[in-house]
Amino acid sequence: MTQQKPVKQFTEEEKKLRAQIERKHGKTPEQLYEEREKRVREAIQLQEPDRVPVSLRMTYFPAKYTGIHKSTAYYDAAAWKAAIIKTTMDFEPDLYQCASGTTSGLVMEALDPPKLNGRGGLCLPIFLIRP
C-alpha cells in the first residue's frame, strides 16, 4: 500500500503571493524553483547555466530595505517575516540565506547569555536593543 503525500494547505497570504508570482512570470513557484535549482546545480558542477545564479545572503538588510528597526528581527516575528518576504519577492534570488532573527529577543533576555551581556564575551550591539 502506497502512502500519499499530504496536500499543502496554503494560507490566504501564501495564495496571494503565489498568484502574484504566476502573474509576473507565467510559471508556478514550483517551476521557478526547479529552474533556480537547476541553475545553481549547473554552476556548482562547473557547467554553464542560463545565467549566473544570484545568492542573497542577508543579515539586517530586510530591515533597512523595508524601513523597520533591526530589533524587529528579534522582537516582532510577523513584521520580520513580512520584511523578508518583500525583500525576496523584490530581488528574486536563486539562493537565499538570512541568519538574523532566528532567536527570540525576549528569550535571549530571559536566558541572559554571557556572550550578549558583556561577561566573558561580546555585548549586544546597540542597534539591536529594543526600541
N, C-alpha and C. Protein backbone atom coordinates (compact mmCIF):
# COMPACT_ATOMS: atom_id res chain seq x y z
N MET A 1 0.84 -1.18 0.00
CA MET A 1 0.00 0.00 0.00
C MET A 1 0.88 1.25 0.00
N THR A 2 0.65 2.15 -0.94
CA THR A 2 1.45 3.38 -1.02
C THR A 2 0.76 4.49 -0.24
N GLN A 3 1.59 5.28 0.38
CA GLN A 3 1.05 6.41 1.13
C GLN A 3 1.13 7.66 0.28
N GLN A 4 0.09 8.44 0.30
CA GLN A 4 0.07 9.69 -0.44
C GLN A 4 0.64 10.80 0.43
N LYS A 5 1.34 11.72 -0.24
CA LYS A 5 1.84 12.89 0.48
C LYS A 5 0.67 13.77 0.86
N PRO A 6 0.73 14.35 2.07
CA PRO A 6 -0.35 15.26 2.42
C PRO A 6 -0.34 16.49 1.50
N VAL A 7 -1.52 16.97 1.17
CA VAL A 7 -1.64 18.12 0.29
C VAL A 7 -1.39 19.38 1.12
N LYS A 8 -0.53 20.26 0.61
CA LYS A 8 -0.20 21.50 1.30
C LYS A 8 -1.40 22.43 1.26
N GLN A 9 -1.80 22.90 2.42
CA GLN A 9 -2.88 23.88 2.53
C GLN A 9 -2.25 25.26 2.65
N PHE A 10 -2.48 26.11 1.69
CA PHE A 10 -1.89 27.44 1.68
C PHE A 10 -2.75 28.43 2.44
N THR A 11 -2.08 29.34 3.14
CA THR A 11 -2.80 30.43 3.81
C THR A 11 -3.24 31.43 2.74
N GLU A 12 -4.11 32.35 3.11
CA GLU A 12 -4.55 33.38 2.17
C GLU A 12 -3.37 34.22 1.69
N GLU A 13 -2.46 34.54 2.60
CA GLU A 13 -1.27 35.31 2.23
C GLU A 13 -0.42 34.55 1.21
N GLU A 14 -0.24 33.25 1.44
CA GLU A 14 0.54 32.44 0.51
C GLU A 14 -0.15 32.33 -0.85
N LYS A 15 -1.46 32.23 -0.86
CA LYS A 15 -2.21 32.18 -2.12
C LYS A 15 -2.01 33.47 -2.92
N LYS A 16 -2.02 34.62 -2.23
CA LYS A 16 -1.82 35.90 -2.90
C LYS A 16 -0.41 36.00 -3.48
N LEU A 17 0.57 35.54 -2.70
CA LEU A 17 1.96 35.57 -3.19
C LEU A 17 2.14 34.66 -4.39
N ARG A 18 1.54 33.47 -4.33
CA ARG A 18 1.62 32.53 -5.46
C ARG A 18 1.00 33.15 -6.72
N ALA A 19 -0.15 33.78 -6.56
CA ALA A 19 -0.83 34.41 -7.70
C ALA A 19 0.02 35.54 -8.27
N GLN A 20 0.63 36.32 -7.40
CA GLN A 20 1.50 37.42 -7.84
C GLN A 20 2.69 36.87 -8.64
N ILE A 21 3.28 35.80 -8.17
CA ILE A 21 4.42 35.19 -8.87
C ILE A 21 3.97 34.66 -10.22
N GLU A 22 2.85 33.97 -10.25
CA GLU A 22 2.36 33.39 -11.51
C GLU A 22 2.00 34.46 -12.53
N ARG A 23 1.42 35.58 -12.07
CA ARG A 23 1.10 36.68 -12.99
C ARG A 23 2.37 37.28 -13.57
N LYS A 24 3.36 37.47 -12.73
CA LYS A 24 4.60 38.12 -13.16
C LYS A 24 5.41 37.25 -14.11
N HIS A 25 5.50 35.96 -13.82
CA HIS A 25 6.40 35.08 -14.57
C HIS A 25 5.69 34.11 -15.52
N GLY A 26 4.39 33.94 -15.35
CA GLY A 26 3.68 32.98 -16.18
C GLY A 26 4.05 31.54 -15.85
N LYS A 27 4.59 31.33 -14.66
CA LYS A 27 5.00 30.00 -14.20
C LYS A 27 4.62 29.86 -12.74
N THR A 28 4.50 28.61 -12.29
CA THR A 28 4.21 28.37 -10.88
C THR A 28 5.49 28.55 -10.06
N PRO A 29 5.36 28.78 -8.76
CA PRO A 29 6.55 28.85 -7.91
C PRO A 29 7.37 27.56 -7.98
N GLU A 30 6.71 26.43 -8.13
CA GLU A 30 7.43 25.16 -8.23
C GLU A 30 8.28 25.11 -9.50
N GLN A 31 7.75 25.60 -10.61
CA GLN A 31 8.52 25.64 -11.86
C GLN A 31 9.73 26.57 -11.72
N LEU A 32 9.52 27.72 -11.09
CA LEU A 32 10.62 28.67 -10.88
C LEU A 32 11.67 28.07 -9.95
N TYR A 33 11.22 27.35 -8.94
CA TYR A 33 12.15 26.69 -8.02
C TYR A 33 13.03 25.70 -8.79
N GLU A 34 12.40 24.90 -9.65
CA GLU A 34 13.15 23.92 -10.45
C GLU A 34 14.18 24.62 -11.33
N GLU A 35 13.79 25.72 -11.97
CA GLU A 35 14.74 26.47 -12.81
C GLU A 35 15.91 26.99 -11.99
N ARG A 36 15.61 27.54 -10.83
CA ARG A 36 16.67 28.10 -9.98
C ARG A 36 17.58 27.01 -9.44
N GLU A 37 16.99 25.91 -9.04
CA GLU A 37 17.81 24.79 -8.55
C GLU A 37 18.72 24.26 -9.66
N LYS A 38 18.19 24.13 -10.85
CA LYS A 38 18.99 23.66 -11.99
C LYS A 38 20.14 24.63 -12.26
N ARG A 39 19.85 25.93 -12.21
CA ARG A 39 20.86 26.96 -12.45
C ARG A 39 22.01 26.84 -11.43
N VAL A 40 21.65 26.67 -10.17
CA VAL A 40 22.66 26.57 -9.11
C VAL A 40 23.45 25.27 -9.25
N ARG A 41 22.75 24.17 -9.50
CA ARG A 41 23.45 22.87 -9.67
C ARG A 41 24.44 22.92 -10.84
N GLU A 42 24.01 23.51 -11.95
CA GLU A 42 24.91 23.62 -13.10
C GLU A 42 26.14 24.44 -12.76
N ALA A 43 25.97 25.52 -12.04
CA ALA A 43 27.12 26.35 -11.65
C ALA A 43 28.05 25.57 -10.71
N ILE A 44 27.49 24.84 -9.77
CA ILE A 44 28.30 24.04 -8.84
C ILE A 44 29.08 22.97 -9.60
N GLN A 45 28.46 22.39 -10.61
CA GLN A 45 29.10 21.34 -11.41
C GLN A 45 30.00 21.90 -12.51
N LEU A 46 30.24 23.21 -12.46
CA LEU A 46 31.09 23.91 -13.42
C LEU A 46 30.58 23.80 -14.85
N GLN A 47 29.26 23.68 -14.99
CA GLN A 47 28.63 23.73 -16.30
C GLN A 47 28.18 25.17 -16.52
N GLU A 48 27.74 25.48 -17.70
CA GLU A 48 27.30 26.84 -17.98
C GLU A 48 25.79 26.96 -17.81
N PRO A 49 25.34 27.64 -16.74
CA PRO A 49 23.90 27.81 -16.56
C PRO A 49 23.36 28.87 -17.52
N ASP A 50 22.05 29.02 -17.55
CA ASP A 50 21.42 30.01 -18.43
C ASP A 50 21.81 31.44 -18.04
N ARG A 51 22.14 31.65 -16.77
CA ARG A 51 22.69 32.92 -16.29
C ARG A 51 23.40 32.65 -14.97
N VAL A 52 24.14 33.62 -14.50
CA VAL A 52 24.85 33.46 -13.23
C VAL A 52 23.85 33.44 -12.09
N PRO A 53 23.91 32.40 -11.23
CA PRO A 53 22.99 32.37 -10.08
C PRO A 53 23.26 33.52 -9.11
N VAL A 54 22.21 34.03 -8.54
CA VAL A 54 22.31 35.12 -7.57
C VAL A 54 22.01 34.56 -6.18
N SER A 55 22.96 34.79 -5.26
CA SER A 55 22.77 34.35 -3.88
C SER A 55 22.59 35.58 -3.01
N LEU A 56 21.46 35.67 -2.34
CA LEU A 56 21.16 36.80 -1.48
C LEU A 56 21.38 36.37 -0.04
N ARG A 57 22.50 36.79 0.53
CA ARG A 57 22.83 36.45 1.91
C ARG A 57 22.70 37.72 2.73
N MET A 58 21.69 37.74 3.55
CA MET A 58 21.36 38.97 4.26
C MET A 58 21.50 38.78 5.76
N THR A 59 21.77 39.87 6.43
CA THR A 59 21.66 39.90 7.88
C THR A 59 20.46 40.80 8.19
N TYR A 60 20.69 42.08 8.28
CA TYR A 60 19.60 43.01 8.60
C TYR A 60 19.15 43.82 7.39
N PHE A 61 19.55 43.42 6.20
CA PHE A 61 19.14 44.15 5.01
C PHE A 61 17.63 44.26 4.86
N PRO A 62 16.85 43.19 5.14
CA PRO A 62 15.39 43.36 5.02
C PRO A 62 14.85 44.50 5.89
N ALA A 63 15.46 44.72 7.04
CA ALA A 63 15.02 45.83 7.90
C ALA A 63 15.32 47.16 7.23
N LYS A 64 16.53 47.32 6.73
CA LYS A 64 16.91 48.57 6.05
C LYS A 64 16.06 48.77 4.80
N TYR A 65 15.87 47.72 4.03
CA TYR A 65 15.13 47.81 2.77
C TYR A 65 13.67 48.19 2.99
N THR A 66 13.06 47.66 4.06
CA THR A 66 11.64 47.93 4.30
C THR A 66 11.39 49.04 5.31
N GLY A 67 12.47 49.61 5.86
CA GLY A 67 12.33 50.75 6.76
C GLY A 67 11.90 50.42 8.18
N ILE A 68 12.22 49.22 8.66
CA ILE A 68 11.89 48.86 10.04
C ILE A 68 13.17 48.81 10.87
N HIS A 69 13.02 48.81 12.18
CA HIS A 69 14.17 48.77 13.08
C HIS A 69 14.78 47.36 13.06
N LYS A 70 16.08 47.28 13.19
CA LYS A 70 16.78 45.98 13.17
C LYS A 70 16.32 45.05 14.29
N SER A 71 15.93 45.61 15.41
CA SER A 71 15.48 44.77 16.52
C SER A 71 14.20 44.01 16.19
N THR A 72 13.50 44.44 15.16
CA THR A 72 12.28 43.75 14.73
C THR A 72 12.57 42.28 14.45
N ALA A 73 13.78 41.98 14.00
CA ALA A 73 14.16 40.60 13.72
C ALA A 73 14.02 39.72 14.95
N TYR A 74 14.14 40.30 16.13
CA TYR A 74 14.12 39.53 17.37
C TYR A 74 12.86 39.74 18.20
N TYR A 75 12.14 40.84 17.96
CA TYR A 75 11.01 41.15 18.82
C TYR A 75 9.66 41.19 18.13
N ASP A 76 9.62 41.08 16.81
CA ASP A 76 8.34 41.11 16.09
C ASP A 76 8.44 40.16 14.89
N ALA A 77 8.17 38.89 15.16
CA ALA A 77 8.34 37.85 14.15
C ALA A 77 7.49 38.09 12.90
N ALA A 78 6.26 38.56 13.08
CA ALA A 78 5.37 38.78 11.93
C ALA A 78 5.91 39.89 11.02
N ALA A 79 6.37 40.99 11.61
CA ALA A 79 6.93 42.09 10.81
C ALA A 79 8.22 41.68 10.14
N TRP A 80 9.04 40.89 10.83
CA TRP A 80 10.30 40.42 10.25
C TRP A 80 10.03 39.49 9.08
N LYS A 81 9.06 38.60 9.24
CA LYS A 81 8.68 37.69 8.14
C LYS A 81 8.20 38.49 6.93
N ALA A 82 7.38 39.50 7.17
CA ALA A 82 6.89 40.34 6.08
C ALA A 82 8.04 41.05 5.37
N ALA A 83 9.03 41.53 6.15
CA ALA A 83 10.19 42.21 5.56
C ALA A 83 11.00 41.25 4.70
N ILE A 84 11.18 40.03 5.17
CA ILE A 84 11.93 39.03 4.41
C ILE A 84 11.18 38.66 3.12
N ILE A 85 9.88 38.49 3.23
CA ILE A 85 9.08 38.14 2.04
C ILE A 85 9.16 39.27 1.01
N LYS A 86 8.99 40.51 1.44
CA LYS A 86 9.06 41.64 0.50
C LYS A 86 10.43 41.69 -0.17
N THR A 87 11.49 41.53 0.61
CA THR A 87 12.84 41.60 0.07
C THR A 87 13.09 40.49 -0.95
N THR A 88 12.72 39.27 -0.61
CA THR A 88 12.97 38.17 -1.55
C THR A 88 12.06 38.25 -2.78
N MET A 89 10.84 38.72 -2.61
CA MET A 89 9.95 38.88 -3.77
C MET A 89 10.47 39.97 -4.71
N ASP A 90 11.04 41.03 -4.16
CA ASP A 90 11.54 42.13 -4.99
C ASP A 90 12.86 41.78 -5.68
N PHE A 91 13.75 41.07 -4.99
CA PHE A 91 15.07 40.78 -5.55
C PHE A 91 15.13 39.44 -6.28
N GLU A 92 14.22 38.53 -6.00
CA GLU A 92 14.12 37.22 -6.66
C GLU A 92 15.46 36.48 -6.77
N PRO A 93 16.10 36.18 -5.65
CA PRO A 93 17.38 35.47 -5.72
C PRO A 93 17.20 34.00 -6.07
N ASP A 94 18.28 33.38 -6.56
CA ASP A 94 18.26 31.94 -6.79
C ASP A 94 18.49 31.20 -5.48
N LEU A 95 19.31 31.78 -4.62
CA LEU A 95 19.56 31.25 -3.27
C LEU A 95 19.30 32.37 -2.28
N TYR A 96 18.89 31.99 -1.08
CA TYR A 96 18.58 32.99 -0.06
C TYR A 96 19.02 32.45 1.29
N GLN A 97 19.64 33.30 2.08
CA GLN A 97 20.00 32.93 3.44
C GLN A 97 19.94 34.17 4.31
N CYS A 98 19.28 34.05 5.43
CA CYS A 98 19.22 35.16 6.39
C CYS A 98 19.38 34.58 7.78
N ALA A 99 20.50 34.88 8.42
CA ALA A 99 20.79 34.33 9.73
C ALA A 99 20.21 35.18 10.86
N SER A 100 19.76 36.36 10.56
CA SER A 100 19.21 37.25 11.59
C SER A 100 17.78 36.85 11.92
N GLY A 101 17.40 37.11 13.15
CA GLY A 101 16.03 36.87 13.55
C GLY A 101 15.68 35.43 13.79
N THR A 102 16.67 34.59 14.04
CA THR A 102 16.40 33.17 14.26
C THR A 102 16.15 32.84 15.73
N THR A 103 16.30 33.83 16.60
CA THR A 103 16.03 33.62 18.02
C THR A 103 15.13 34.74 18.52
N SER A 104 14.44 34.47 19.59
CA SER A 104 13.55 35.46 20.19
C SER A 104 14.35 36.38 21.11
N GLY A 105 14.15 37.67 20.94
CA GLY A 105 14.82 38.63 21.81
C GLY A 105 14.39 38.48 23.26
N LEU A 106 13.12 38.21 23.48
CA LEU A 106 12.63 38.04 24.85
C LEU A 106 13.25 36.80 25.52
N VAL A 107 13.40 35.73 24.75
CA VAL A 107 14.03 34.52 25.30
C VAL A 107 15.49 34.80 25.61
N MET A 108 16.17 35.49 24.71
CA MET A 108 17.58 35.80 24.96
C MET A 108 17.73 36.71 26.18
N GLU A 109 16.80 37.64 26.37
CA GLU A 109 16.84 38.49 27.57
C GLU A 109 16.66 37.65 28.82
N ALA A 110 15.72 36.69 28.77
CA ALA A 110 15.45 35.85 29.94
C ALA A 110 16.63 34.93 30.25
N LEU A 111 17.26 34.38 29.21
CA LEU A 111 18.40 33.48 29.42
C LEU A 111 19.65 34.22 29.84
N ASP A 112 19.77 35.48 29.41
CA ASP A 112 20.91 36.33 29.75
C ASP A 112 22.25 35.64 29.47
N PRO A 113 22.48 35.20 28.24
CA PRO A 113 23.74 34.51 27.94
C PRO A 113 24.94 35.43 28.07
N PRO A 114 26.06 34.94 28.62
CA PRO A 114 27.25 35.78 28.82
C PRO A 114 27.73 36.45 27.54
N LYS A 115 27.60 35.79 26.43
CA LYS A 115 28.06 36.33 25.15
C LYS A 115 27.35 37.63 24.78
N LEU A 116 26.13 37.81 25.26
CA LEU A 116 25.37 39.01 24.92
C LEU A 116 25.38 40.09 26.00
N ASN A 117 25.82 39.75 27.19
CA ASN A 117 25.75 40.75 28.25
C ASN A 117 27.10 41.31 28.66
N GLY A 118 28.16 40.92 27.97
CA GLY A 118 29.46 41.50 28.25
C GLY A 118 30.31 40.71 29.21
N ARG A 119 29.72 39.78 29.96
CA ARG A 119 30.51 38.97 30.89
C ARG A 119 31.17 37.82 30.11
N GLY A 120 32.43 37.98 29.78
CA GLY A 120 33.13 36.92 29.09
C GLY A 120 32.87 36.88 27.60
N GLY A 121 32.34 37.92 27.04
CA GLY A 121 32.06 37.89 25.61
C GLY A 121 31.67 39.25 25.08
N LEU A 122 31.07 39.23 23.93
CA LEU A 122 30.66 40.46 23.26
C LEU A 122 29.37 41.00 23.85
N CYS A 123 29.24 42.29 23.85
CA CYS A 123 27.99 42.92 24.27
C CYS A 123 27.02 42.94 23.09
N LEU A 124 25.75 42.95 23.40
CA LEU A 124 24.73 43.07 22.38
C LEU A 124 24.88 44.42 21.69
N PRO A 125 25.03 44.43 20.37
CA PRO A 125 25.20 45.71 19.67
C PRO A 125 24.03 46.65 19.97
N ILE A 126 24.36 47.92 20.09
CA ILE A 126 23.37 48.93 20.46
C ILE A 126 22.22 49.01 19.45
N PHE A 127 22.48 48.69 18.18
CA PHE A 127 21.41 48.80 17.19
C PHE A 127 20.38 47.68 17.32
N LEU A 128 20.65 46.67 18.14
CA LEU A 128 19.70 45.58 18.32
C LEU A 128 18.83 45.77 19.55
N ILE A 129 19.16 46.72 20.39
CA ILE A 129 18.39 46.92 21.61
C ILE A 129 16.99 47.36 21.24
N ARG A 130 16.05 46.79 21.93
CA ARG A 130 14.64 47.04 21.65
C ARG A 130 14.35 48.53 21.68
N PRO A 131 13.61 49.05 20.66
CA PRO A 131 13.30 50.49 20.63
C PRO A 131 12.35 50.86 21.75
